[in-house]
Amino acid sequence: METRFNLFENEIAAKFAKRFAGTAVVLQQSPLPRSTQELVSLRASQINGCGHCVDMHAKEAAAAGESAVRLSLVATWRESTVFTEAERAALALAEEGTRLADAHQGVSDETWQLVRKHYDDDQTAALVCLVGLINAANRLAVITRQKGGSYEPGAFAAAFD
C-alpha cells in the first residue's frame, strides 16, 4: 500500500497543516499533563488504525520518559494496573469520543463525570480539544495512507518552528 498524497507538498494542504500544528501547540502548552496527551493520542490512533500517528505518539511518549510497559498496555488499559484513575478517565473519553458511530450516545455521563472529577476546566477543555484534534489528524493520515515507522521524536515540533 503506497502513500497516496503528500500533504506537505501541496500549497493548500501545507497552509492547513501549519494552522493545524498551531492548535496542537496550544494543547501542548495547556495544563493537561503531557503524558496524558500522548496516551490519549496513542489510544485514539490505535482505534483509528493510523500507523503514522501511532508511531509518532508512541515515540514522543517514550522520548518524554513513558515506560515501554505502559505504552504496550494502552490498547488494553482496562485490563491493566499501570494507569492512574485520571489517566483511565482520559482514555475512556478518548475511546468514547473516537467511537462516536459505535456508541450512539457519544460520551457517556459516567465517563464525563470521571473526567470532571480528575481534571479542572482548562484540562478538560484541552482534553476534549485533543480528542477532536487527534481524530482529525488520524483521518488525514489514513485517507492519504501515511505510513508509520520512520517518525523521529521531535520531528513534528521541528517541522513547524
N, C-alpha and C. Protein backbone atom coordinates (compact mmCIF):
# COMPACT_ATOMS: atom_id res chain seq x y z
N MET A 1 0.84 -1.16 0.00
CA MET A 1 0.00 0.00 0.00
C MET A 1 0.89 1.24 0.00
N GLU A 2 0.81 2.01 -1.03
CA GLU A 2 1.63 3.21 -1.19
C GLU A 2 0.94 4.44 -0.64
N THR A 3 1.74 5.39 -0.17
CA THR A 3 1.19 6.68 0.24
C THR A 3 0.51 7.31 -0.97
N ARG A 4 -0.68 7.83 -0.76
CA ARG A 4 -1.47 8.37 -1.87
C ARG A 4 -1.10 9.80 -2.24
N PHE A 5 -0.75 10.60 -1.23
CA PHE A 5 -0.65 12.03 -1.46
C PHE A 5 0.21 12.63 -0.36
N ASN A 6 1.14 13.49 -0.73
CA ASN A 6 1.97 14.16 0.26
C ASN A 6 1.34 15.52 0.59
N LEU A 7 0.74 15.59 1.75
CA LEU A 7 0.05 16.82 2.15
C LEU A 7 1.01 17.99 2.31
N PHE A 8 2.27 17.73 2.55
CA PHE A 8 3.24 18.82 2.78
C PHE A 8 3.79 19.40 1.49
N GLU A 9 3.52 18.74 0.37
CA GLU A 9 3.98 19.25 -0.92
C GLU A 9 2.90 20.04 -1.65
N ASN A 10 1.71 20.11 -1.10
CA ASN A 10 0.61 20.84 -1.71
C ASN A 10 0.42 22.15 -0.96
N GLU A 11 0.30 23.26 -1.69
CA GLU A 11 0.22 24.58 -1.07
C GLU A 11 -0.95 24.72 -0.11
N ILE A 12 -2.12 24.30 -0.53
CA ILE A 12 -3.30 24.41 0.34
C ILE A 12 -3.15 23.53 1.57
N ALA A 13 -2.75 22.29 1.36
CA ALA A 13 -2.58 21.37 2.49
C ALA A 13 -1.48 21.84 3.43
N ALA A 14 -0.41 22.40 2.90
CA ALA A 14 0.69 22.90 3.74
C ALA A 14 0.22 24.08 4.60
N LYS A 15 -0.58 24.98 4.02
CA LYS A 15 -1.14 26.10 4.81
C LYS A 15 -2.04 25.57 5.92
N PHE A 16 -2.85 24.60 5.58
CA PHE A 16 -3.73 23.99 6.57
C PHE A 16 -2.90 23.32 7.67
N ALA A 17 -1.89 22.57 7.28
CA ALA A 17 -1.05 21.85 8.25
C ALA A 17 -0.38 22.80 9.23
N LYS A 18 0.04 23.96 8.75
CA LYS A 18 0.67 24.95 9.63
C LYS A 18 -0.31 25.43 10.68
N ARG A 19 -1.53 25.71 10.29
CA ARG A 19 -2.55 26.16 11.25
C ARG A 19 -2.97 25.02 12.17
N PHE A 20 -3.07 23.83 11.62
CA PHE A 20 -3.40 22.63 12.39
C PHE A 20 -2.34 22.40 13.47
N ALA A 21 -1.09 22.54 13.09
CA ALA A 21 0.01 22.38 14.05
C ALA A 21 -0.06 23.43 15.14
N GLY A 22 -0.51 24.63 14.79
CA GLY A 22 -0.67 25.69 15.79
C GLY A 22 -1.67 25.31 16.87
N THR A 23 -2.71 24.59 16.50
CA THR A 23 -3.67 24.14 17.51
C THR A 23 -3.05 23.09 18.41
N ALA A 24 -2.20 22.27 17.84
CA ALA A 24 -1.50 21.26 18.65
C ALA A 24 -0.59 21.93 19.67
N VAL A 25 0.05 23.02 19.29
CA VAL A 25 0.94 23.75 20.21
C VAL A 25 0.13 24.31 21.39
N VAL A 26 -1.06 24.84 21.10
CA VAL A 26 -1.92 25.35 22.18
C VAL A 26 -2.19 24.24 23.19
N LEU A 27 -2.49 23.06 22.71
CA LEU A 27 -2.77 21.94 23.61
C LEU A 27 -1.53 21.47 24.35
N GLN A 28 -0.38 21.44 23.67
CA GLN A 28 0.86 21.04 24.33
C GLN A 28 1.22 21.98 25.46
N GLN A 29 0.86 23.25 25.32
CA GLN A 29 1.17 24.25 26.34
C GLN A 29 0.09 24.33 27.42
N SER A 30 -0.94 23.53 27.32
CA SER A 30 -2.03 23.55 28.30
C SER A 30 -1.59 22.84 29.58
N PRO A 31 -2.40 22.96 30.65
CA PRO A 31 -2.06 22.28 31.90
C PRO A 31 -2.38 20.78 31.91
N LEU A 32 -2.92 20.25 30.81
CA LEU A 32 -3.15 18.81 30.73
C LEU A 32 -1.78 18.13 30.65
N PRO A 33 -1.49 17.19 31.57
CA PRO A 33 -0.17 16.56 31.57
C PRO A 33 0.22 16.00 30.20
N ARG A 34 1.46 16.22 29.83
CA ARG A 34 1.95 15.78 28.52
C ARG A 34 1.83 14.26 28.36
N SER A 35 2.08 13.52 29.43
CA SER A 35 1.96 12.07 29.34
C SER A 35 0.51 11.67 29.02
N THR A 36 -0.45 12.36 29.61
CA THR A 36 -1.86 12.08 29.32
C THR A 36 -2.17 12.42 27.87
N GLN A 37 -1.63 13.51 27.38
CA GLN A 37 -1.84 13.89 25.99
C GLN A 37 -1.35 12.80 25.04
N GLU A 38 -0.17 12.28 25.30
CA GLU A 38 0.39 11.25 24.42
C GLU A 38 -0.38 9.94 24.52
N LEU A 39 -0.79 9.56 25.74
CA LEU A 39 -1.56 8.33 25.89
C LEU A 39 -2.91 8.42 25.17
N VAL A 40 -3.58 9.56 25.30
CA VAL A 40 -4.87 9.77 24.63
C VAL A 40 -4.68 9.74 23.11
N SER A 41 -3.66 10.43 22.63
CA SER A 41 -3.40 10.45 21.19
C SER A 41 -3.06 9.07 20.67
N LEU A 42 -2.28 8.32 21.43
CA LEU A 42 -1.92 6.96 21.05
C LEU A 42 -3.16 6.07 20.98
N ARG A 43 -4.01 6.16 22.00
CA ARG A 43 -5.19 5.29 22.03
C ARG A 43 -6.15 5.59 20.88
N ALA A 44 -6.44 6.85 20.63
CA ALA A 44 -7.33 7.20 19.51
C ALA A 44 -6.72 6.73 18.19
N SER A 45 -5.43 6.89 18.06
CA SER A 45 -4.75 6.49 16.82
C SER A 45 -4.80 4.98 16.62
N GLN A 46 -4.69 4.23 17.71
CA GLN A 46 -4.82 2.78 17.62
C GLN A 46 -6.22 2.40 17.13
N ILE A 47 -7.23 3.01 17.72
CA ILE A 47 -8.61 2.71 17.34
C ILE A 47 -8.84 3.03 15.86
N ASN A 48 -8.29 4.14 15.41
CA ASN A 48 -8.50 4.58 14.03
C ASN A 48 -7.58 3.90 13.02
N GLY A 49 -6.67 3.05 13.50
CA GLY A 49 -5.77 2.34 12.59
C GLY A 49 -4.79 3.25 11.88
N CYS A 50 -4.35 4.30 12.56
CA CYS A 50 -3.43 5.26 11.95
C CYS A 50 -1.98 4.92 12.34
N GLY A 51 -1.30 4.19 11.48
CA GLY A 51 0.07 3.78 11.76
C GLY A 51 1.02 4.95 11.95
N HIS A 52 0.85 5.99 11.14
CA HIS A 52 1.71 7.17 11.25
C HIS A 52 1.58 7.82 12.64
N CYS A 53 0.34 7.99 13.10
CA CYS A 53 0.13 8.65 14.40
C CYS A 53 0.47 7.74 15.57
N VAL A 54 0.23 6.43 15.45
CA VAL A 54 0.65 5.51 16.50
C VAL A 54 2.16 5.58 16.64
N ASP A 55 2.86 5.56 15.53
CA ASP A 55 4.32 5.66 15.53
C ASP A 55 4.77 6.95 16.21
N MET A 56 4.18 8.07 15.79
CA MET A 56 4.56 9.37 16.33
C MET A 56 4.32 9.45 17.84
N HIS A 57 3.14 9.10 18.30
CA HIS A 57 2.80 9.30 19.70
C HIS A 57 3.47 8.29 20.62
N ALA A 58 3.70 7.09 20.14
CA ALA A 58 4.45 6.12 20.95
C ALA A 58 5.88 6.59 21.13
N LYS A 59 6.49 7.09 20.07
CA LYS A 59 7.88 7.55 20.15
C LYS A 59 8.00 8.85 20.94
N GLU A 60 7.06 9.78 20.78
CA GLU A 60 7.09 11.02 21.56
C GLU A 60 6.92 10.71 23.05
N ALA A 61 6.01 9.79 23.36
CA ALA A 61 5.80 9.41 24.76
C ALA A 61 7.05 8.75 25.35
N ALA A 62 7.66 7.87 24.59
CA ALA A 62 8.88 7.20 25.06
C ALA A 62 10.00 8.22 25.27
N ALA A 63 10.13 9.15 24.33
CA ALA A 63 11.18 10.18 24.45
C ALA A 63 10.94 11.08 25.67
N ALA A 64 9.68 11.22 26.07
CA ALA A 64 9.35 12.03 27.23
C ALA A 64 9.43 11.23 28.53
N GLY A 65 9.84 9.96 28.43
CA GLY A 65 10.06 9.16 29.63
C GLY A 65 8.99 8.12 29.93
N GLU A 66 8.02 7.97 29.06
CA GLU A 66 6.97 6.97 29.29
C GLU A 66 7.57 5.58 29.19
N SER A 67 7.15 4.67 30.07
CA SER A 67 7.72 3.32 30.09
C SER A 67 7.17 2.46 28.96
N ALA A 68 7.99 1.51 28.55
CA ALA A 68 7.58 0.56 27.50
C ALA A 68 6.38 -0.26 27.96
N VAL A 69 6.30 -0.58 29.23
CA VAL A 69 5.18 -1.36 29.76
C VAL A 69 3.87 -0.59 29.58
N ARG A 70 3.86 0.67 29.99
CA ARG A 70 2.64 1.46 29.87
C ARG A 70 2.26 1.67 28.39
N LEU A 71 3.24 1.93 27.55
CA LEU A 71 2.94 2.11 26.14
C LEU A 71 2.36 0.85 25.52
N SER A 72 2.88 -0.30 25.90
CA SER A 72 2.38 -1.55 25.33
C SER A 72 1.00 -1.92 25.86
N LEU A 73 0.61 -1.34 27.00
CA LEU A 73 -0.69 -1.67 27.59
C LEU A 73 -1.79 -0.64 27.28
N VAL A 74 -1.48 0.40 26.53
CA VAL A 74 -2.50 1.41 26.21
C VAL A 74 -3.70 0.77 25.53
N ALA A 75 -3.48 -0.14 24.61
CA ALA A 75 -4.58 -0.76 23.88
C ALA A 75 -5.47 -1.59 24.79
N THR A 76 -4.95 -2.02 25.92
CA THR A 76 -5.71 -2.85 26.85
C THR A 76 -5.75 -2.21 28.24
N TRP A 77 -5.87 -0.90 28.27
CA TRP A 77 -5.79 -0.16 29.53
C TRP A 77 -6.81 -0.62 30.57
N ARG A 78 -7.97 -1.06 30.14
CA ARG A 78 -8.99 -1.51 31.11
C ARG A 78 -8.54 -2.77 31.85
N GLU A 79 -7.71 -3.57 31.22
CA GLU A 79 -7.25 -4.82 31.81
C GLU A 79 -5.83 -4.71 32.35
N SER A 80 -5.43 -3.51 32.72
CA SER A 80 -4.08 -3.32 33.26
C SER A 80 -4.13 -2.50 34.54
N THR A 81 -3.03 -2.51 35.25
CA THR A 81 -2.96 -1.82 36.54
C THR A 81 -2.00 -0.63 36.53
N VAL A 82 -1.50 -0.24 35.37
CA VAL A 82 -0.41 0.74 35.32
C VAL A 82 -0.86 2.17 35.06
N PHE A 83 -2.18 2.40 34.97
CA PHE A 83 -2.68 3.75 34.70
C PHE A 83 -3.41 4.30 35.92
N THR A 84 -3.25 5.58 36.16
CA THR A 84 -3.94 6.23 37.28
C THR A 84 -5.43 6.34 36.97
N GLU A 85 -6.22 6.67 37.98
CA GLU A 85 -7.66 6.89 37.76
C GLU A 85 -7.88 8.03 36.78
N ALA A 86 -7.10 9.08 36.89
CA ALA A 86 -7.23 10.22 35.98
C ALA A 86 -6.91 9.81 34.55
N GLU A 87 -5.84 9.05 34.37
CA GLU A 87 -5.48 8.58 33.02
C GLU A 87 -6.56 7.66 32.46
N ARG A 88 -7.13 6.83 33.31
CA ARG A 88 -8.18 5.92 32.87
C ARG A 88 -9.41 6.72 32.41
N ALA A 89 -9.73 7.80 33.11
CA ALA A 89 -10.85 8.66 32.70
C ALA A 89 -10.56 9.29 31.34
N ALA A 90 -9.33 9.75 31.15
CA ALA A 90 -8.93 10.36 29.87
C ALA A 90 -8.96 9.33 28.75
N LEU A 91 -8.50 8.12 29.01
CA LEU A 91 -8.52 7.07 27.99
C LEU A 91 -9.95 6.66 27.64
N ALA A 92 -10.83 6.63 28.64
CA ALA A 92 -12.24 6.34 28.37
C ALA A 92 -12.85 7.42 27.49
N LEU A 93 -12.55 8.68 27.78
CA LEU A 93 -13.05 9.78 26.96
C LEU A 93 -12.51 9.67 25.54
N ALA A 94 -11.23 9.33 25.42
CA ALA A 94 -10.63 9.17 24.09
C ALA A 94 -11.35 8.09 23.30
N GLU A 95 -11.62 6.97 23.93
CA GLU A 95 -12.31 5.87 23.24
C GLU A 95 -13.73 6.25 22.85
N GLU A 96 -14.49 6.78 23.80
CA GLU A 96 -15.88 7.11 23.51
C GLU A 96 -15.99 8.27 22.53
N GLY A 97 -15.07 9.23 22.63
CA GLY A 97 -15.07 10.35 21.70
C GLY A 97 -14.59 9.97 20.31
N THR A 98 -13.87 8.88 20.20
CA THR A 98 -13.39 8.38 18.91
C THR A 98 -14.42 7.46 18.27
N ARG A 99 -15.09 6.69 19.08
CA ARG A 99 -16.06 5.70 18.57
C ARG A 99 -17.48 6.25 18.58
N LEU A 100 -17.66 7.46 18.14
CA LEU A 100 -18.99 8.09 18.16
C LEU A 100 -20.04 7.27 17.41
N ALA A 101 -19.70 6.75 16.28
CA ALA A 101 -20.67 5.99 15.49
C ALA A 101 -21.02 4.67 16.16
N ASP A 102 -20.10 4.13 16.95
CA ASP A 102 -20.33 2.85 17.62
C ASP A 102 -21.12 3.02 18.92
N ALA A 103 -21.01 4.19 19.54
CA ALA A 103 -21.55 4.38 20.89
C ALA A 103 -22.91 5.08 20.92
N HIS A 104 -23.47 5.42 19.82
CA HIS A 104 -24.77 6.07 19.67
C HIS A 104 -24.99 7.24 20.63
N GLN A 105 -24.67 7.12 21.91
CA GLN A 105 -24.87 8.24 22.83
C GLN A 105 -23.64 9.12 22.92
N GLY A 106 -22.59 8.79 22.21
CA GLY A 106 -21.36 9.58 22.31
C GLY A 106 -20.65 9.26 23.61
N VAL A 107 -20.21 10.28 24.29
CA VAL A 107 -19.51 10.10 25.57
C VAL A 107 -20.56 9.91 26.67
N SER A 108 -20.40 8.85 27.43
CA SER A 108 -21.37 8.54 28.49
C SER A 108 -21.27 9.54 29.64
N ASP A 109 -22.36 9.66 30.37
CA ASP A 109 -22.38 10.52 31.56
C ASP A 109 -21.37 10.02 32.59
N GLU A 110 -21.23 8.72 32.71
CA GLU A 110 -20.27 8.14 33.66
C GLU A 110 -18.84 8.57 33.33
N THR A 111 -18.47 8.46 32.06
CA THR A 111 -17.13 8.87 31.66
C THR A 111 -16.95 10.37 31.87
N TRP A 112 -17.94 11.15 31.51
CA TRP A 112 -17.85 12.60 31.68
C TRP A 112 -17.66 12.96 33.16
N GLN A 113 -18.39 12.30 34.04
CA GLN A 113 -18.25 12.56 35.48
C GLN A 113 -16.85 12.22 35.97
N LEU A 114 -16.28 11.13 35.45
CA LEU A 114 -14.91 10.76 35.84
C LEU A 114 -13.90 11.80 35.35
N VAL A 115 -14.09 12.28 34.12
CA VAL A 115 -13.20 13.31 33.60
C VAL A 115 -13.28 14.55 34.48
N ARG A 116 -14.48 14.98 34.82
CA ARG A 116 -14.66 16.20 35.62
C ARG A 116 -14.15 16.01 37.05
N LYS A 117 -14.14 14.80 37.53
CA LYS A 117 -13.60 14.51 38.87
C LYS A 117 -12.09 14.72 38.91
N HIS A 118 -11.42 14.42 37.81
CA HIS A 118 -9.96 14.42 37.79
C HIS A 118 -9.32 15.61 37.09
N TYR A 119 -10.08 16.35 36.31
CA TYR A 119 -9.50 17.44 35.53
C TYR A 119 -10.27 18.74 35.75
N ASP A 120 -9.53 19.83 35.90
CA ASP A 120 -10.16 21.15 36.05
C ASP A 120 -10.67 21.63 34.69
N ASP A 121 -11.25 22.82 34.65
CA ASP A 121 -11.85 23.32 33.41
C ASP A 121 -10.85 23.42 32.27
N ASP A 122 -9.67 23.96 32.55
CA ASP A 122 -8.67 24.12 31.48
C ASP A 122 -8.17 22.76 30.98
N GLN A 123 -7.96 21.83 31.90
CA GLN A 123 -7.52 20.50 31.49
C GLN A 123 -8.62 19.77 30.72
N THR A 124 -9.86 19.94 31.15
CA THR A 124 -10.98 19.31 30.44
C THR A 124 -11.10 19.88 29.04
N ALA A 125 -11.00 21.20 28.93
CA ALA A 125 -11.06 21.83 27.60
C ALA A 125 -9.96 21.28 26.70
N ALA A 126 -8.75 21.19 27.24
CA ALA A 126 -7.64 20.67 26.45
C ALA A 126 -7.88 19.21 26.06
N LEU A 127 -8.40 18.43 26.97
CA LEU A 127 -8.66 17.01 26.71
C LEU A 127 -9.72 16.84 25.61
N VAL A 128 -10.81 17.58 25.69
CA VAL A 128 -11.86 17.49 24.67
C VAL A 128 -11.30 17.93 23.31
N CYS A 129 -10.58 19.03 23.29
CA CYS A 129 -10.00 19.52 22.03
C CYS A 129 -8.97 18.53 21.48
N LEU A 130 -8.19 17.91 22.36
CA LEU A 130 -7.21 16.92 21.93
C LEU A 130 -7.88 15.73 21.26
N VAL A 131 -8.96 15.23 21.83
CA VAL A 131 -9.66 14.09 21.22
C VAL A 131 -10.14 14.47 19.82
N GLY A 132 -10.69 15.67 19.68
CA GLY A 132 -11.12 16.12 18.35
C GLY A 132 -9.95 16.26 17.39
N LEU A 133 -8.85 16.84 17.87
CA LEU A 133 -7.69 17.08 17.03
C LEU A 133 -7.03 15.79 16.56
N ILE A 134 -6.83 14.84 17.48
CA ILE A 134 -6.16 13.61 17.08
C ILE A 134 -7.03 12.81 16.11
N ASN A 135 -8.34 12.85 16.29
CA ASN A 135 -9.21 12.16 15.34
C ASN A 135 -9.12 12.79 13.96
N ALA A 136 -9.03 14.11 13.89
CA ALA A 136 -8.86 14.78 12.60
C ALA A 136 -7.52 14.40 11.98
N ALA A 137 -6.46 14.41 12.79
CA ALA A 137 -5.13 14.04 12.29
C ALA A 137 -5.12 12.61 11.78
N ASN A 138 -5.76 11.71 12.52
CA ASN A 138 -5.84 10.31 12.08
C ASN A 138 -6.52 10.20 10.73
N ARG A 139 -7.59 10.93 10.55
CA ARG A 139 -8.32 10.86 9.29
C ARG A 139 -7.49 11.38 8.12
N LEU A 140 -6.78 12.47 8.33
CA LEU A 140 -5.91 12.99 7.28
C LEU A 140 -4.86 11.96 6.89
N ALA A 141 -4.23 11.36 7.89
CA ALA A 141 -3.16 10.40 7.61
C ALA A 141 -3.68 9.10 7.02
N VAL A 142 -4.83 8.62 7.49
CA VAL A 142 -5.38 7.37 6.97
C VAL A 142 -5.87 7.55 5.54
N ILE A 143 -6.56 8.67 5.27
CA ILE A 143 -7.07 8.91 3.91
C ILE A 143 -5.93 8.94 2.90
N THR A 144 -4.80 9.56 3.27
CA THR A 144 -3.67 9.69 2.35
C THR A 144 -2.65 8.55 2.50
N ARG A 145 -2.96 7.61 3.38
CA ARG A 145 -2.12 6.42 3.62
C ARG A 145 -0.70 6.77 4.05
N GLN A 146 -0.59 7.60 5.05
CA GLN A 146 0.73 7.91 5.62
C GLN A 146 1.18 6.69 6.43
N LYS A 147 2.40 6.29 6.24
CA LYS A 147 2.93 5.09 6.88
C LYS A 147 3.58 5.39 8.23
N GLY A 148 3.53 4.42 9.12
CA GLY A 148 4.23 4.51 10.38
C GLY A 148 5.58 3.82 10.27
N GLY A 149 6.49 4.19 11.17
CA GLY A 149 7.77 3.50 11.25
C GLY A 149 8.99 4.38 11.13
N SER A 150 8.86 5.52 10.46
CA SER A 150 10.04 6.35 10.24
C SER A 150 10.05 7.64 11.06
N TYR A 151 9.05 7.85 11.90
CA TYR A 151 8.99 9.09 12.67
C TYR A 151 10.13 9.16 13.68
N GLU A 152 10.70 10.34 13.81
CA GLU A 152 11.75 10.61 14.80
C GLU A 152 11.19 11.57 15.84
N PRO A 153 11.35 11.27 17.13
CA PRO A 153 10.82 12.15 18.17
C PRO A 153 11.29 13.60 17.96
N GLY A 154 10.34 14.52 18.12
CA GLY A 154 10.64 15.94 17.95
C GLY A 154 10.45 16.45 16.54
N ALA A 155 10.23 15.56 15.58
CA ALA A 155 10.12 15.96 14.18
C ALA A 155 8.90 16.83 13.93
N PHE A 156 7.78 16.55 14.59
CA PHE A 156 6.58 17.35 14.38
C PHE A 156 6.81 18.79 14.83
N ALA A 157 7.34 18.96 16.02
CA ALA A 157 7.62 20.30 16.52
C ALA A 157 8.63 21.04 15.65
N ALA A 158 9.65 20.33 15.20
CA ALA A 158 10.69 20.95 14.37
C ALA A 158 10.14 21.38 13.01
N ALA A 159 9.17 20.63 12.50
CA ALA A 159 8.63 20.95 11.17
C ALA A 159 7.85 22.27 11.15
N PHE A 160 7.40 22.72 12.32
CA PHE A 160 6.57 23.92 12.36
C PHE A 160 7.17 25.04 13.21
N ASP A 161 8.45 24.96 13.50
CA ASP A 161 9.12 26.04 14.25
C ASP A 161 9.32 27.24 13.38
